[in-house]
N, C-alpha and C. Protein backbone atom coordinates (compact mmCIF):
# COMPACT_ATOMS: atom_id res chain seq x y z
N MET A 1 56.82 5.06 88.27
CA MET A 1 55.59 5.39 87.87
C MET A 1 54.63 4.84 88.35
N PRO A 2 53.21 5.73 88.42
CA PRO A 2 52.11 5.28 89.49
C PRO A 2 51.36 4.42 88.29
N ASP A 3 50.82 3.29 89.36
CA ASP A 3 49.96 2.17 88.41
C ASP A 3 48.96 3.01 88.21
N GLN A 4 48.36 2.46 86.79
CA GLN A 4 47.73 3.06 86.05
C GLN A 4 46.19 2.20 86.08
N PRO A 5 44.93 3.09 86.28
CA PRO A 5 44.05 2.02 86.75
C PRO A 5 43.50 1.74 85.37
N ASP A 6 42.59 0.11 85.22
CA ASP A 6 42.50 -0.71 84.74
C ASP A 6 41.46 -0.27 83.83
N PRO A 7 41.57 -0.14 82.25
CA PRO A 7 41.00 0.61 81.35
C PRO A 7 38.92 0.40 81.48
N GLU A 8 38.82 -1.09 81.86
CA GLU A 8 37.81 -1.38 81.95
C GLU A 8 36.72 -0.80 83.12
N VAL A 9 37.77 -1.04 84.19
CA VAL A 9 36.70 -0.12 85.63
C VAL A 9 36.70 1.69 85.06
N ASP A 10 37.59 2.07 84.24
CA ASP A 10 37.71 3.59 84.25
C ASP A 10 36.10 3.73 83.56
N ILE A 11 35.46 2.67 82.42
CA ILE A 11 34.70 2.86 81.55
C ILE A 11 33.52 2.70 82.46
N ALA A 12 33.70 1.79 83.04
CA ALA A 12 32.07 1.49 84.00
C ALA A 12 32.02 2.08 85.32
N MET A 13 33.17 3.27 85.83
CA MET A 13 33.17 4.61 86.42
C MET A 13 31.95 5.40 85.23
N VAL A 14 33.07 5.62 84.49
CA VAL A 14 32.17 6.58 83.39
C VAL A 14 30.93 6.15 82.99
N ALA A 15 30.68 5.23 83.04
CA ALA A 15 29.04 4.56 82.11
C ALA A 15 28.39 5.15 83.13
N ALA A 16 28.71 4.63 84.63
CA ALA A 16 27.53 5.22 86.07
C ALA A 16 27.23 6.34 85.93
N ALA A 17 28.30 7.47 85.83
CA ALA A 17 28.42 8.68 86.18
C ALA A 17 27.47 9.56 85.16
N LEU A 18 27.56 8.52 83.69
CA LEU A 18 26.49 9.43 82.64
C LEU A 18 25.43 8.89 82.88
N ARG A 19 25.30 7.85 83.34
CA ARG A 19 23.64 7.20 83.70
C ARG A 19 22.89 8.05 84.84
N ALA A 20 23.97 8.45 85.82
CA ALA A 20 22.79 9.00 87.00
C ALA A 20 22.24 9.85 86.40
N ASP A 21 21.96 10.70 85.42
CA ASP A 21 21.20 12.00 85.61
C ASP A 21 20.29 12.11 84.19
N THR A 22 20.41 10.76 83.67
CA THR A 22 19.51 11.30 82.46
C THR A 22 18.59 11.00 81.96
N ARG A 23 17.59 11.19 83.71
CA ARG A 23 15.98 11.67 83.24
C ARG A 23 16.24 12.90 83.31
N ASP A 24 16.88 13.57 83.66
CA ASP A 24 17.09 15.24 83.85
C ASP A 24 17.91 15.97 82.56
N LEU A 25 17.05 16.14 81.66
CA LEU A 25 17.84 16.49 80.46
C LEU A 25 18.41 17.69 80.48
N GLU A 26 17.74 18.79 81.52
CA GLU A 26 18.45 19.96 81.21
C GLU A 26 19.71 19.78 82.09
N ALA A 27 19.87 19.30 83.48
CA ALA A 27 21.24 18.63 83.98
C ALA A 27 22.20 18.00 83.13
N TYR A 28 21.42 16.91 82.44
CA TYR A 28 22.54 16.30 81.68
C TYR A 28 23.09 17.18 80.35
N ALA A 29 22.38 18.00 79.84
CA ALA A 29 22.69 18.70 79.03
C ALA A 29 23.94 19.91 79.50
N THR A 30 23.84 20.34 80.27
CA THR A 30 24.82 21.07 81.35
C THR A 30 25.97 20.22 82.08
N ILE A 31 25.73 18.71 82.33
CA ILE A 31 27.15 18.29 82.46
C ILE A 31 27.52 17.51 80.98
N LEU A 32 26.96 17.63 80.09
CA LEU A 32 27.78 17.22 78.77
C LEU A 32 28.55 18.54 78.29
N THR A 33 27.79 19.57 78.36
CA THR A 33 28.24 20.58 77.66
C THR A 33 29.60 21.57 78.56
N SER A 34 29.26 21.59 80.09
CA SER A 34 30.35 22.49 80.81
C SER A 34 31.47 21.38 81.05
N THR A 35 30.95 20.43 81.23
CA THR A 35 32.35 19.02 81.95
C THR A 35 33.17 18.70 80.49
N LEU A 36 32.31 18.22 79.45
CA LEU A 36 32.94 17.48 78.53
C LEU A 36 33.01 18.54 77.09
N GLY A 37 32.02 19.23 77.01
CA GLY A 37 32.18 20.07 75.28
C GLY A 37 33.57 20.95 75.42
N ASP A 38 34.10 21.46 76.32
CA ASP A 38 35.58 22.48 76.13
C ASP A 38 36.41 21.11 75.71
N ALA A 39 36.40 20.16 76.21
CA ALA A 39 37.65 18.99 76.51
C ALA A 39 37.69 18.68 74.78
N LEU A 40 36.39 18.32 73.99
CA LEU A 40 36.53 17.66 72.96
C LEU A 40 36.37 18.18 71.82
N PRO A 41 36.68 17.87 70.64
CA PRO A 41 36.63 18.72 69.37
C PRO A 41 35.50 19.70 69.44
N PRO A 42 35.50 20.66 68.82
CA PRO A 42 34.22 21.89 68.52
C PRO A 42 32.95 21.23 68.25
N GLY A 43 32.01 21.76 68.43
CA GLY A 43 31.01 20.74 67.64
C GLY A 43 30.50 19.61 67.97
N ALA A 44 31.22 18.50 69.19
CA ALA A 44 31.28 17.73 69.50
C ALA A 44 29.95 17.28 70.06
N VAL A 45 29.82 18.54 71.01
CA VAL A 45 28.31 18.12 72.03
C VAL A 45 27.80 19.23 71.43
N GLU A 46 26.09 18.89 71.01
CA GLU A 46 25.43 19.20 71.05
C GLU A 46 24.33 19.71 71.43
N VAL A 47 23.36 20.64 71.73
CA VAL A 47 22.14 20.39 72.38
C VAL A 47 20.92 21.60 71.66
N GLU A 48 19.95 20.72 71.79
CA GLU A 48 19.15 21.64 71.10
C GLU A 48 17.91 21.65 71.74
N TRP A 49 17.75 22.80 71.69
CA TRP A 49 16.15 23.51 72.99
C TRP A 49 15.33 23.68 72.21
N LYS A 50 14.19 23.61 73.08
CA LYS A 50 12.73 24.11 72.30
C LYS A 50 11.99 25.00 73.47
N ARG A 51 12.50 26.28 72.64
CA ARG A 51 11.97 27.09 73.61
C ARG A 51 10.44 27.91 73.07
N SER A 52 9.63 27.90 73.86
CA SER A 52 8.15 28.68 73.66
C SER A 52 8.37 29.83 73.65
N LEU A 53 6.87 30.51 73.21
CA LEU A 53 6.94 31.98 73.35
C LEU A 53 7.47 32.92 75.06
N GLY A 54 6.89 31.97 75.73
CA GLY A 54 6.75 32.37 77.36
C GLY A 54 8.32 32.08 77.70
N ASP A 55 9.11 31.44 77.38
CA ASP A 55 10.48 31.12 77.32
C ASP A 55 11.65 32.37 76.92
N ARG A 56 10.99 32.47 75.47
CA ARG A 56 11.63 33.71 74.50
C ARG A 56 11.31 35.32 75.73
N VAL A 57 10.21 35.43 76.10
CA VAL A 57 9.98 36.78 76.91
C VAL A 57 10.74 36.55 77.88
N ALA A 58 10.82 35.52 78.68
CA ALA A 58 11.16 35.51 79.81
C ALA A 58 12.57 35.41 79.76
N GLY A 59 13.40 35.14 78.89
CA GLY A 59 14.78 35.28 78.64
C GLY A 59 15.30 33.95 79.05
N ARG A 60 14.44 32.38 79.20
CA ARG A 60 14.63 31.16 79.42
C ARG A 60 15.35 30.69 78.34
N ARG A 61 16.09 29.53 78.60
CA ARG A 61 16.26 29.09 77.35
C ARG A 61 15.39 27.77 76.80
N GLY A 62 14.60 27.42 77.91
CA GLY A 62 13.68 26.35 77.12
C GLY A 62 14.08 25.18 77.59
N SER A 63 13.38 23.97 77.25
CA SER A 63 13.88 22.78 77.66
C SER A 63 14.41 22.18 76.56
N VAL A 64 15.10 20.88 76.67
CA VAL A 64 16.04 20.15 76.09
C VAL A 64 15.35 19.19 75.07
N GLU A 65 15.31 19.40 73.73
CA GLU A 65 14.61 18.69 72.52
C GLU A 65 15.58 17.85 72.03
N ARG A 66 16.82 17.72 72.46
CA ARG A 66 17.58 16.59 71.87
C ARG A 66 19.08 16.75 72.26
N ILE A 67 20.08 16.07 73.11
CA ILE A 67 21.16 16.13 72.89
C ILE A 67 22.20 15.38 72.33
N ARG A 68 23.16 15.69 71.51
CA ARG A 68 23.84 14.87 70.76
C ARG A 68 25.48 14.80 70.88
N ALA A 69 25.97 13.66 71.00
CA ALA A 69 27.43 13.65 71.29
C ALA A 69 28.15 12.96 69.94
N ARG A 70 28.94 13.88 68.92
CA ARG A 70 29.38 13.43 68.14
C ARG A 70 30.88 12.72 68.27
N LEU A 71 31.51 11.77 68.06
CA LEU A 71 32.64 11.21 68.71
C LEU A 71 32.76 10.09 67.50
N ASP A 72 34.31 10.13 66.62
CA ASP A 72 35.01 9.84 65.72
C ASP A 72 33.26 9.57 64.55
N ASP A 73 33.31 8.30 64.29
CA ASP A 73 31.97 7.48 63.60
C ASP A 73 30.79 7.43 64.01
N VAL A 74 30.46 7.87 65.48
CA VAL A 74 28.98 7.67 66.01
C VAL A 74 28.83 8.31 66.94
N THR A 75 27.56 8.65 66.74
CA THR A 75 26.45 10.11 66.99
C THR A 75 25.96 9.43 67.83
N LEU A 76 25.63 10.09 69.26
CA LEU A 76 24.79 9.32 70.41
C LEU A 76 23.76 10.49 70.64
N GLU A 77 22.35 10.28 70.82
CA GLU A 77 21.69 11.29 70.85
C GLU A 77 20.65 10.60 71.93
N LEU A 78 20.09 11.54 72.73
CA LEU A 78 19.33 11.61 73.63
C LEU A 78 18.06 12.27 73.27
N GLU A 79 16.99 11.70 73.78
CA GLU A 79 15.51 12.68 73.27
C GLU A 79 14.65 12.78 74.57
N PRO A 80 14.37 14.09 75.06
CA PRO A 80 13.06 13.38 76.11
C PRO A 80 12.36 12.51 75.79
N ALA A 81 11.71 11.89 76.47
CA ALA A 81 10.36 10.94 76.36
C ALA A 81 9.21 10.89 77.82
N PRO A 82 8.47 12.29 77.50
CA PRO A 82 7.68 11.95 79.15
C PRO A 82 7.21 10.80 79.78
N GLY A 83 7.53 11.02 81.05
CA GLY A 83 6.85 10.11 82.06
C GLY A 83 7.87 9.11 82.04
N ARG A 84 8.78 8.83 81.08
CA ARG A 84 9.67 7.55 81.26
C ARG A 84 11.36 8.09 80.85
N ALA A 85 11.94 7.15 80.80
CA ALA A 85 13.73 7.43 80.39
C ALA A 85 13.88 8.00 78.83
N PRO A 86 14.52 8.90 78.97
CA PRO A 86 14.81 9.44 77.64
C PRO A 86 14.90 8.46 76.42
N ARG A 87 14.93 8.61 75.61
CA ARG A 87 15.13 7.60 74.16
C ARG A 87 16.31 7.82 73.65
N ALA A 88 17.16 7.29 73.53
CA ALA A 88 18.59 7.03 73.53
C ALA A 88 18.85 6.12 71.84
N ARG A 89 19.51 6.57 71.32
CA ARG A 89 19.69 6.35 70.18
C ARG A 89 21.39 6.10 69.73
N ILE A 90 21.83 5.28 69.24
CA ILE A 90 23.18 4.91 68.71
C ILE A 90 23.20 5.35 66.81
N VAL A 91 23.98 6.25 66.46
CA VAL A 91 23.85 6.40 64.87
C VAL A 91 25.34 6.48 64.82
N THR A 92 25.38 5.47 63.52
CA THR A 92 26.98 5.37 62.75
C THR A 92 26.93 5.70 61.67
N GLU A 93 28.25 6.37 61.33
CA GLU A 93 28.38 7.08 59.99
C GLU A 93 29.55 6.67 59.38
N VAL A 94 29.94 6.45 58.04
CA VAL A 94 30.95 6.29 57.30
C VAL A 94 31.30 7.28 56.26
N GLY A 95 31.98 8.10 56.24
CA GLY A 95 32.39 9.25 55.32
C GLY A 95 31.06 10.48 55.40
N GLY A 96 30.63 10.26 56.53
CA GLY A 96 29.24 11.43 56.24
C GLY A 96 28.02 10.74 55.82
N VAL A 97 28.14 9.36 55.64
CA VAL A 97 26.71 8.94 55.22
C VAL A 97 26.27 7.90 56.35
N VAL A 98 24.97 7.83 57.05
CA VAL A 98 24.41 7.05 58.10
C VAL A 98 24.24 5.68 57.92
N ILE A 99 25.33 4.72 58.25
CA ILE A 99 24.99 3.33 57.85
C ILE A 99 23.61 2.67 59.01
N SER A 100 23.74 3.00 60.29
CA SER A 100 22.93 2.38 61.18
C SER A 100 22.57 3.04 61.86
N ARG A 101 21.15 3.23 62.34
CA ARG A 101 20.58 4.15 63.20
C ARG A 101 19.82 3.43 64.41
N ARG A 102 19.93 3.12 65.18
CA ARG A 102 19.11 1.92 66.39
C ARG A 102 18.92 2.72 67.63
N ASP A 103 17.82 2.76 67.96
CA ASP A 103 17.41 2.72 69.34
C ASP A 103 18.06 1.92 70.50
N THR A 104 18.68 2.27 71.24
CA THR A 104 18.89 1.56 72.60
C THR A 104 18.77 1.96 73.85
N SER A 105 19.18 0.95 74.81
CA SER A 105 18.86 1.19 76.40
C SER A 105 20.11 2.35 76.68
N ILE A 106 19.45 3.13 77.93
CA ILE A 106 20.43 4.20 78.20
C ILE A 106 21.46 3.63 78.56
N GLU A 107 21.65 2.04 79.20
CA GLU A 107 22.64 1.56 79.85
C GLU A 107 23.88 1.61 78.57
N GLU A 108 23.35 0.66 77.68
CA GLU A 108 24.25 0.29 76.31
C GLU A 108 24.72 1.80 75.91
N TRP A 109 23.71 3.13 75.82
CA TRP A 109 24.12 4.36 75.34
C TRP A 109 25.57 5.02 76.21
N ALA A 110 24.89 4.76 77.55
CA ALA A 110 26.30 5.64 77.89
C ALA A 110 27.56 4.75 78.44
N GLN A 111 27.20 3.29 77.92
CA GLN A 111 28.43 2.51 77.90
C GLN A 111 29.19 2.76 76.62
N THR A 112 28.59 3.03 75.44
CA THR A 112 29.33 3.51 74.27
C THR A 112 29.93 4.94 74.47
N LEU A 113 29.12 4.95 74.86
CA LEU A 113 29.68 7.20 75.14
C LEU A 113 31.08 6.99 76.28
N ALA A 114 30.84 6.47 77.10
CA ALA A 114 32.07 6.09 77.80
C ALA A 114 33.13 5.54 77.78
N GLY A 115 33.05 4.67 76.55
CA GLY A 115 34.33 4.06 75.85
C GLY A 115 34.52 4.82 74.72
N ARG A 116 33.64 5.48 73.94
CA ARG A 116 34.22 6.75 73.42
C ARG A 116 35.07 7.96 73.74
N LEU A 117 34.82 8.00 75.22
CA LEU A 117 35.36 9.28 75.90
C LEU A 117 36.72 8.58 76.16
N ALA A 118 36.50 7.57 76.89
CA ALA A 118 38.14 6.77 77.19
C ALA A 118 38.81 6.90 76.31
N GLU A 119 38.61 6.49 74.88
CA GLU A 119 39.40 6.46 73.71
C GLU A 119 39.81 7.93 73.74
N GLN A 120 38.85 9.22 73.68
CA GLN A 120 39.52 10.75 73.80
C GLN A 120 40.15 10.78 74.61
N ALA A 121 40.09 10.08 75.95
CA ALA A 121 40.92 10.97 76.97
C ALA A 121 42.43 9.85 76.62
N GLN A 122 42.63 9.00 76.08
CA GLN A 122 43.97 8.40 75.67
C GLN A 122 44.75 9.45 74.95
N ARG A 123 43.86 10.28 74.26
CA ARG A 123 44.66 10.68 73.11
C ARG A 123 44.90 12.31 73.31
N SER A 124 43.94 13.04 74.52
CA SER A 124 43.80 14.31 74.80
C SER A 124 43.98 14.15 75.89
N GLU A 125 44.94 15.54 76.49
CA GLU A 125 44.94 15.50 78.07
C GLU A 125 43.67 16.29 78.73
N ALA A 126 43.04 17.18 77.34
CA ALA A 126 41.87 17.67 78.25
C ALA A 126 40.93 16.93 78.24
N ALA A 127 40.95 16.19 77.43
CA ALA A 127 39.93 15.04 77.43
C ALA A 127 39.68 14.60 78.75
N ARG A 128 41.03 13.85 79.17
CA ARG A 128 41.47 13.20 80.38
C ARG A 128 40.69 13.94 81.75
N ILE A 129 41.17 15.21 81.81
CA ILE A 129 41.12 16.52 82.45
C ILE A 129 39.57 16.46 82.68
N ALA A 130 38.96 16.55 81.80
CA ALA A 130 37.41 16.69 81.62
C ALA A 130 36.71 15.21 82.56
N LEU A 131 37.01 14.14 82.19
CA LEU A 131 36.70 12.98 82.83
C LEU A 131 36.73 12.85 83.84
N GLU A 132 38.18 12.99 84.43
CA GLU A 132 38.57 13.34 85.60
C GLU A 132 37.21 14.54 86.59
N ARG A 133 37.18 15.12 85.99
CA ARG A 133 36.14 16.47 86.97
C ARG A 133 34.62 15.74 86.64
N LEU A 134 34.66 15.23 85.76
CA LEU A 134 33.13 14.03 85.88
C LEU A 134 33.07 13.57 86.87
N LEU A 135 34.07 12.59 87.14
CA LEU A 135 33.94 11.59 88.29
C LEU A 135 34.43 12.31 89.32
N GLY A 136 34.91 13.45 89.62
CA GLY A 136 35.16 13.52 90.72
C GLY A 136 36.28 13.68 90.86
N LEU A 137 37.38 13.21 90.54
CA LEU A 137 38.79 12.63 90.71
C LEU A 137 39.40 13.96 90.70
């Protein structure tokens, strides 16, 4: 049986990959929805778009207003913040009731998402394959 990689290294690699494109939320939304959206449970990754009249007339999808990743009892949100890094938030729910909502750094946000994705990958072959695609493996 081949050696299994150290889970901590995998989480660090995933977190680094997740942090790489957070300033460009449109690109980030595409990465999360196309790479991870199909591998995670339906509705786990949501992107809210803000469409101006010009966007609608031109058939453009607009700009990202919020990215939300729901993994078990934690929801991770990113919102644009003009001129700086996106606003990152971690929301914890129990039984559908929000018990904690806090703003955090992109680093902690990415680390939390990476850890949750690694947990999903241990339970799901599709999630494992999506993580490998994200990392270019």
